[in-house]
Amino acid sequence: MMYLIAQQQADDLIPADSVLASLLINFPMVLLIAYALLFISALISILGSALSGGMKLVWVVVAFMAPFLGSLLWFVIGRGDARRRVVVR
C-alpha cells in the first residue's frame, strides 16, 4: 500500500519515463533486498563456522538484536576470529 502511494507521488513529481523516477521508486526496494541478503548471509556464515555452539549462539543473538550492525560486525570481526581459532587448534 505504502509502495503504491510512494510510486504515485513519484509519478506526480517526475515524468514516468525518466531514469530518475525509476531510481526513486526502486531504490528503497534495492536497499531492502541488500539488507536482507546481508543478514541472511551472515546467519548462514555464522551457523556454518567452526565456532563452538555457545559462540555461534552469541553471534546469532547479536545478529538478531542488531541485524545490520550485528551482520557487519560478524563479517569484520567474528569471521576472522573463527578462522584463527580453526588454525590454532
N, C-alpha and C. Protein backbone atom coordinates (compact mmCIF):
# COMPACT_ATOMS: atom_id res chain seq x y z
N MET A 1 0.83 -1.19 0.00
CA MET A 1 0.00 0.00 0.00
C MET A 1 0.87 1.25 0.00
N MET A 2 1.84 1.30 0.95
CA MET A 2 2.72 2.46 1.03
C MET A 2 3.58 2.57 -0.23
N TYR A 3 3.96 1.43 -0.79
CA TYR A 3 4.77 1.43 -2.00
C TYR A 3 3.99 2.07 -3.15
N LEU A 4 2.69 1.75 -3.23
CA LEU A 4 1.87 2.31 -4.30
C LEU A 4 1.68 3.81 -4.12
N ILE A 5 1.54 4.25 -2.87
CA ILE A 5 1.40 5.69 -2.61
C ILE A 5 2.69 6.41 -3.00
N ALA A 6 3.82 5.84 -2.60
CA ALA A 6 5.11 6.45 -2.94
C ALA A 6 5.31 6.47 -4.44
N GLN A 7 4.88 5.40 -5.11
CA GLN A 7 5.02 5.35 -6.56
C GLN A 7 4.14 6.42 -7.22
N GLN A 8 2.92 6.60 -6.71
CA GLN A 8 2.02 7.60 -7.27
C GLN A 8 2.59 9.00 -7.05
N GLN A 9 3.15 9.25 -5.86
CA GLN A 9 3.73 10.56 -5.58
C GLN A 9 4.94 10.81 -6.48
N ALA A 10 5.75 9.79 -6.70
CA ALA A 10 6.91 9.94 -7.57
C ALA A 10 6.47 10.19 -9.01
N ASP A 11 5.40 9.53 -9.43
CA ASP A 11 4.87 9.74 -10.78
C ASP A 11 4.35 11.17 -10.95
N ASP A 12 3.79 11.72 -9.87
CA ASP A 12 3.28 13.09 -9.95
C ASP A 12 4.42 14.10 -10.04
N LEU A 13 5.53 13.83 -9.38
CA LEU A 13 6.64 14.77 -9.34
C LEU A 13 7.55 14.70 -10.56
N ILE A 14 7.79 13.49 -11.05
CA ILE A 14 8.78 13.27 -12.11
C ILE A 14 8.11 12.47 -13.23
N PRO A 15 8.37 12.81 -14.46
CA PRO A 15 7.80 12.03 -15.56
C PRO A 15 8.17 10.55 -15.46
N ALA A 16 7.22 9.69 -15.78
CA ALA A 16 7.39 8.25 -15.59
C ALA A 16 8.48 7.67 -16.47
N ASP A 17 8.80 8.29 -17.57
CA ASP A 17 9.78 7.72 -18.48
C ASP A 17 11.22 8.09 -18.12
N SER A 18 11.41 8.89 -17.12
CA SER A 18 12.78 9.29 -16.79
C SER A 18 13.47 8.23 -15.93
N VAL A 19 14.74 8.16 -16.03
CA VAL A 19 15.55 7.22 -15.26
C VAL A 19 15.51 7.58 -13.78
N LEU A 20 15.48 8.85 -13.47
CA LEU A 20 15.44 9.29 -12.09
C LEU A 20 14.19 8.81 -11.38
N ALA A 21 13.07 8.81 -12.06
CA ALA A 21 11.82 8.32 -11.47
C ALA A 21 11.94 6.84 -11.14
N SER A 22 12.55 6.10 -12.02
CA SER A 22 12.74 4.68 -11.79
C SER A 22 13.63 4.44 -10.57
N LEU A 23 14.68 5.23 -10.45
CA LEU A 23 15.57 5.09 -9.30
C LEU A 23 14.87 5.46 -8.01
N LEU A 24 14.07 6.51 -8.02
CA LEU A 24 13.33 6.92 -6.83
C LEU A 24 12.37 5.84 -6.36
N ILE A 25 11.77 5.17 -7.29
CA ILE A 25 10.80 4.14 -6.94
C ILE A 25 11.49 2.85 -6.51
N ASN A 26 12.55 2.46 -7.20
CA ASN A 26 13.17 1.17 -6.96
C ASN A 26 14.28 1.18 -5.92
N PHE A 27 14.86 2.32 -5.61
CA PHE A 27 16.00 2.37 -4.70
C PHE A 27 15.69 1.82 -3.31
N PRO A 28 14.57 2.18 -2.69
CA PRO A 28 14.27 1.59 -1.37
C PRO A 28 14.14 0.07 -1.42
N MET A 29 13.58 -0.44 -2.49
CA MET A 29 13.43 -1.89 -2.62
C MET A 29 14.80 -2.56 -2.77
N VAL A 30 15.69 -1.95 -3.52
CA VAL A 30 17.05 -2.49 -3.69
C VAL A 30 17.78 -2.49 -2.35
N LEU A 31 17.64 -1.42 -1.59
CA LEU A 31 18.27 -1.36 -0.26
C LEU A 31 17.71 -2.44 0.66
N LEU A 32 16.41 -2.65 0.64
CA LEU A 32 15.78 -3.67 1.47
C LEU A 32 16.28 -5.06 1.10
N ILE A 33 16.40 -5.33 -0.17
CA ILE A 33 16.89 -6.64 -0.62
C ILE A 33 18.35 -6.83 -0.22
N ALA A 34 19.17 -5.79 -0.37
CA ALA A 34 20.58 -5.87 0.01
C ALA A 34 20.71 -6.10 1.52
N TYR A 35 19.89 -5.42 2.30
CA TYR A 35 19.88 -5.57 3.76
C TYR A 35 19.51 -7.01 4.14
N ALA A 36 18.48 -7.55 3.52
CA ALA A 36 18.05 -8.91 3.81
C ALA A 36 19.13 -9.92 3.41
N LEU A 37 19.77 -9.71 2.27
CA LEU A 37 20.83 -10.62 1.84
C LEU A 37 22.03 -10.58 2.78
N LEU A 38 22.38 -9.39 3.27
CA LEU A 38 23.47 -9.27 4.24
C LEU A 38 23.14 -10.04 5.50
N PHE A 39 21.94 -9.88 6.01
CA PHE A 39 21.53 -10.55 7.24
C PHE A 39 21.49 -12.07 7.06
N ILE A 40 20.89 -12.53 5.99
CA ILE A 40 20.78 -13.98 5.75
C ILE A 40 22.15 -14.59 5.51
N SER A 41 23.00 -13.91 4.76
CA SER A 41 24.35 -14.46 4.53
C SER A 41 25.16 -14.49 5.82
N ALA A 42 24.96 -13.51 6.70
CA ALA A 42 25.65 -13.53 7.98
C ALA A 42 25.18 -14.72 8.82
N LEU A 43 23.88 -14.97 8.86
CA LEU A 43 23.37 -16.12 9.62
C LEU A 43 23.90 -17.43 9.08
N ILE A 44 23.92 -17.58 7.76
CA ILE A 44 24.44 -18.81 7.16
C ILE A 44 25.93 -18.96 7.48
N SER A 45 26.67 -17.86 7.41
CA SER A 45 28.10 -17.90 7.69
C SER A 45 28.36 -18.23 9.16
N ILE A 46 27.57 -17.66 10.06
CA ILE A 46 27.73 -17.94 11.49
C ILE A 46 27.47 -19.41 11.77
N LEU A 47 26.36 -19.91 11.27
CA LEU A 47 25.99 -21.30 11.55
C LEU A 47 26.93 -22.30 10.89
N GLY A 48 27.56 -21.90 9.80
CA GLY A 48 28.50 -22.80 9.12
C GLY A 48 29.93 -22.68 9.59
N SER A 49 30.19 -21.78 10.53
CA SER A 49 31.56 -21.57 11.00
C SER A 49 31.98 -22.70 11.95
N ALA A 50 33.26 -22.73 12.25
CA ALA A 50 33.81 -23.77 13.11
C ALA A 50 33.80 -23.37 14.58
N LEU A 51 33.07 -22.33 14.93
CA LEU A 51 32.99 -21.90 16.32
C LEU A 51 32.21 -22.92 17.15
N SER A 52 32.38 -22.85 18.46
CA SER A 52 31.62 -23.72 19.35
C SER A 52 30.16 -23.31 19.33
N GLY A 53 29.31 -24.18 19.83
CA GLY A 53 27.88 -23.90 19.84
C GLY A 53 27.53 -22.64 20.62
N GLY A 54 28.22 -22.41 21.74
CA GLY A 54 27.96 -21.23 22.56
C GLY A 54 28.31 -19.94 21.83
N MET A 55 29.44 -19.93 21.15
CA MET A 55 29.83 -18.72 20.42
C MET A 55 28.93 -18.47 19.22
N LYS A 56 28.49 -19.55 18.58
CA LYS A 56 27.53 -19.38 17.48
C LYS A 56 26.25 -18.75 18.01
N LEU A 57 25.79 -19.22 19.17
CA LEU A 57 24.58 -18.67 19.76
C LEU A 57 24.74 -17.19 20.07
N VAL A 58 25.90 -16.81 20.60
CA VAL A 58 26.16 -15.39 20.90
C VAL A 58 26.08 -14.56 19.62
N TRP A 59 26.72 -15.01 18.56
CA TRP A 59 26.72 -14.25 17.31
C TRP A 59 25.33 -14.20 16.68
N VAL A 60 24.57 -15.27 16.76
CA VAL A 60 23.20 -15.26 16.23
C VAL A 60 22.34 -14.27 17.01
N VAL A 61 22.48 -14.25 18.34
CA VAL A 61 21.73 -13.30 19.16
C VAL A 61 22.12 -11.87 18.79
N VAL A 62 23.42 -11.61 18.62
CA VAL A 62 23.87 -10.28 18.22
C VAL A 62 23.29 -9.90 16.86
N ALA A 63 23.27 -10.85 15.94
CA ALA A 63 22.74 -10.58 14.60
C ALA A 63 21.25 -10.28 14.65
N PHE A 64 20.51 -10.96 15.53
CA PHE A 64 19.07 -10.70 15.63
C PHE A 64 18.76 -9.44 16.41
N MET A 65 19.57 -9.10 17.39
CA MET A 65 19.31 -7.91 18.20
C MET A 65 19.61 -6.63 17.40
N ALA A 66 20.65 -6.66 16.60
CA ALA A 66 21.01 -5.51 15.77
C ALA A 66 21.37 -6.04 14.39
N PRO A 67 20.36 -6.30 13.55
CA PRO A 67 20.61 -7.02 12.29
C PRO A 67 21.67 -6.40 11.39
N PHE A 68 21.63 -5.12 11.16
CA PHE A 68 22.62 -4.52 10.26
C PHE A 68 23.99 -4.48 10.92
N LEU A 69 24.07 -3.93 12.12
CA LEU A 69 25.34 -3.81 12.82
C LEU A 69 25.90 -5.18 13.19
N GLY A 70 25.04 -6.07 13.65
CA GLY A 70 25.49 -7.42 14.01
C GLY A 70 26.07 -8.17 12.83
N SER A 71 25.42 -8.03 11.67
CA SER A 71 25.91 -8.71 10.47
C SER A 71 27.25 -8.13 10.03
N LEU A 72 27.35 -6.80 10.07
CA LEU A 72 28.63 -6.18 9.71
C LEU A 72 29.74 -6.58 10.68
N LEU A 73 29.42 -6.59 11.97
CA LEU A 73 30.43 -6.99 12.96
C LEU A 73 30.88 -8.42 12.74
N TRP A 74 29.96 -9.30 12.37
CA TRP A 74 30.34 -10.68 12.11
C TRP A 74 31.36 -10.75 10.97
N PHE A 75 31.08 -10.06 9.88
CA PHE A 75 31.98 -10.14 8.73
C PHE A 75 33.30 -9.42 8.98
N VAL A 76 33.30 -8.38 9.81
CA VAL A 76 34.53 -7.63 10.08
C VAL A 76 35.36 -8.28 11.18
N ILE A 77 34.72 -8.71 12.26
CA ILE A 77 35.45 -9.21 13.44
C ILE A 77 35.30 -10.72 13.61
N GLY A 78 34.07 -11.18 13.67
CA GLY A 78 33.80 -12.57 14.05
C GLY A 78 34.28 -13.61 13.07
N ARG A 79 34.14 -13.35 11.81
CA ARG A 79 34.53 -14.34 10.81
C ARG A 79 36.04 -14.59 10.83
N GLY A 80 36.81 -13.52 10.94
CA GLY A 80 38.25 -13.67 11.02
C GLY A 80 38.67 -14.39 12.30
N ASP A 81 37.98 -14.09 13.39
CA ASP A 81 38.27 -14.75 14.66
C ASP A 81 37.96 -16.24 14.57
N ALA A 82 36.88 -16.59 13.88
CA ALA A 82 36.51 -18.00 13.72
C ALA A 82 37.57 -18.74 12.89
N ARG A 83 38.15 -18.07 11.90
CA ARG A 83 39.19 -18.70 11.08
C ARG A 83 40.48 -18.90 11.88
N ARG A 84 40.82 -17.91 12.72
CA ARG A 84 42.02 -18.03 13.54
C ARG A 84 41.89 -19.17 14.55
N ARG A 85 40.71 -19.35 15.11
CA ARG A 85 40.50 -20.42 16.08
C ARG A 85 40.69 -21.79 15.45
N VAL A 86 40.26 -21.94 14.19
CA VAL A 86 40.42 -23.21 13.50
C VAL A 86 41.89 -23.51 13.26
N VAL A 87 42.66 -22.51 12.87
CA VAL A 87 44.07 -22.70 12.57
C VAL A 87 44.85 -23.02 13.84
N VAL A 88 44.51 -22.38 14.96
CA VAL A 88 45.23 -22.58 16.21
C VAL A 88 45.01 -23.96 16.74
N ARG A 89 43.83 -24.51 16.61
CA ARG A 89 43.52 -25.84 17.16
C ARG A 89 44.29 -26.84 16.45
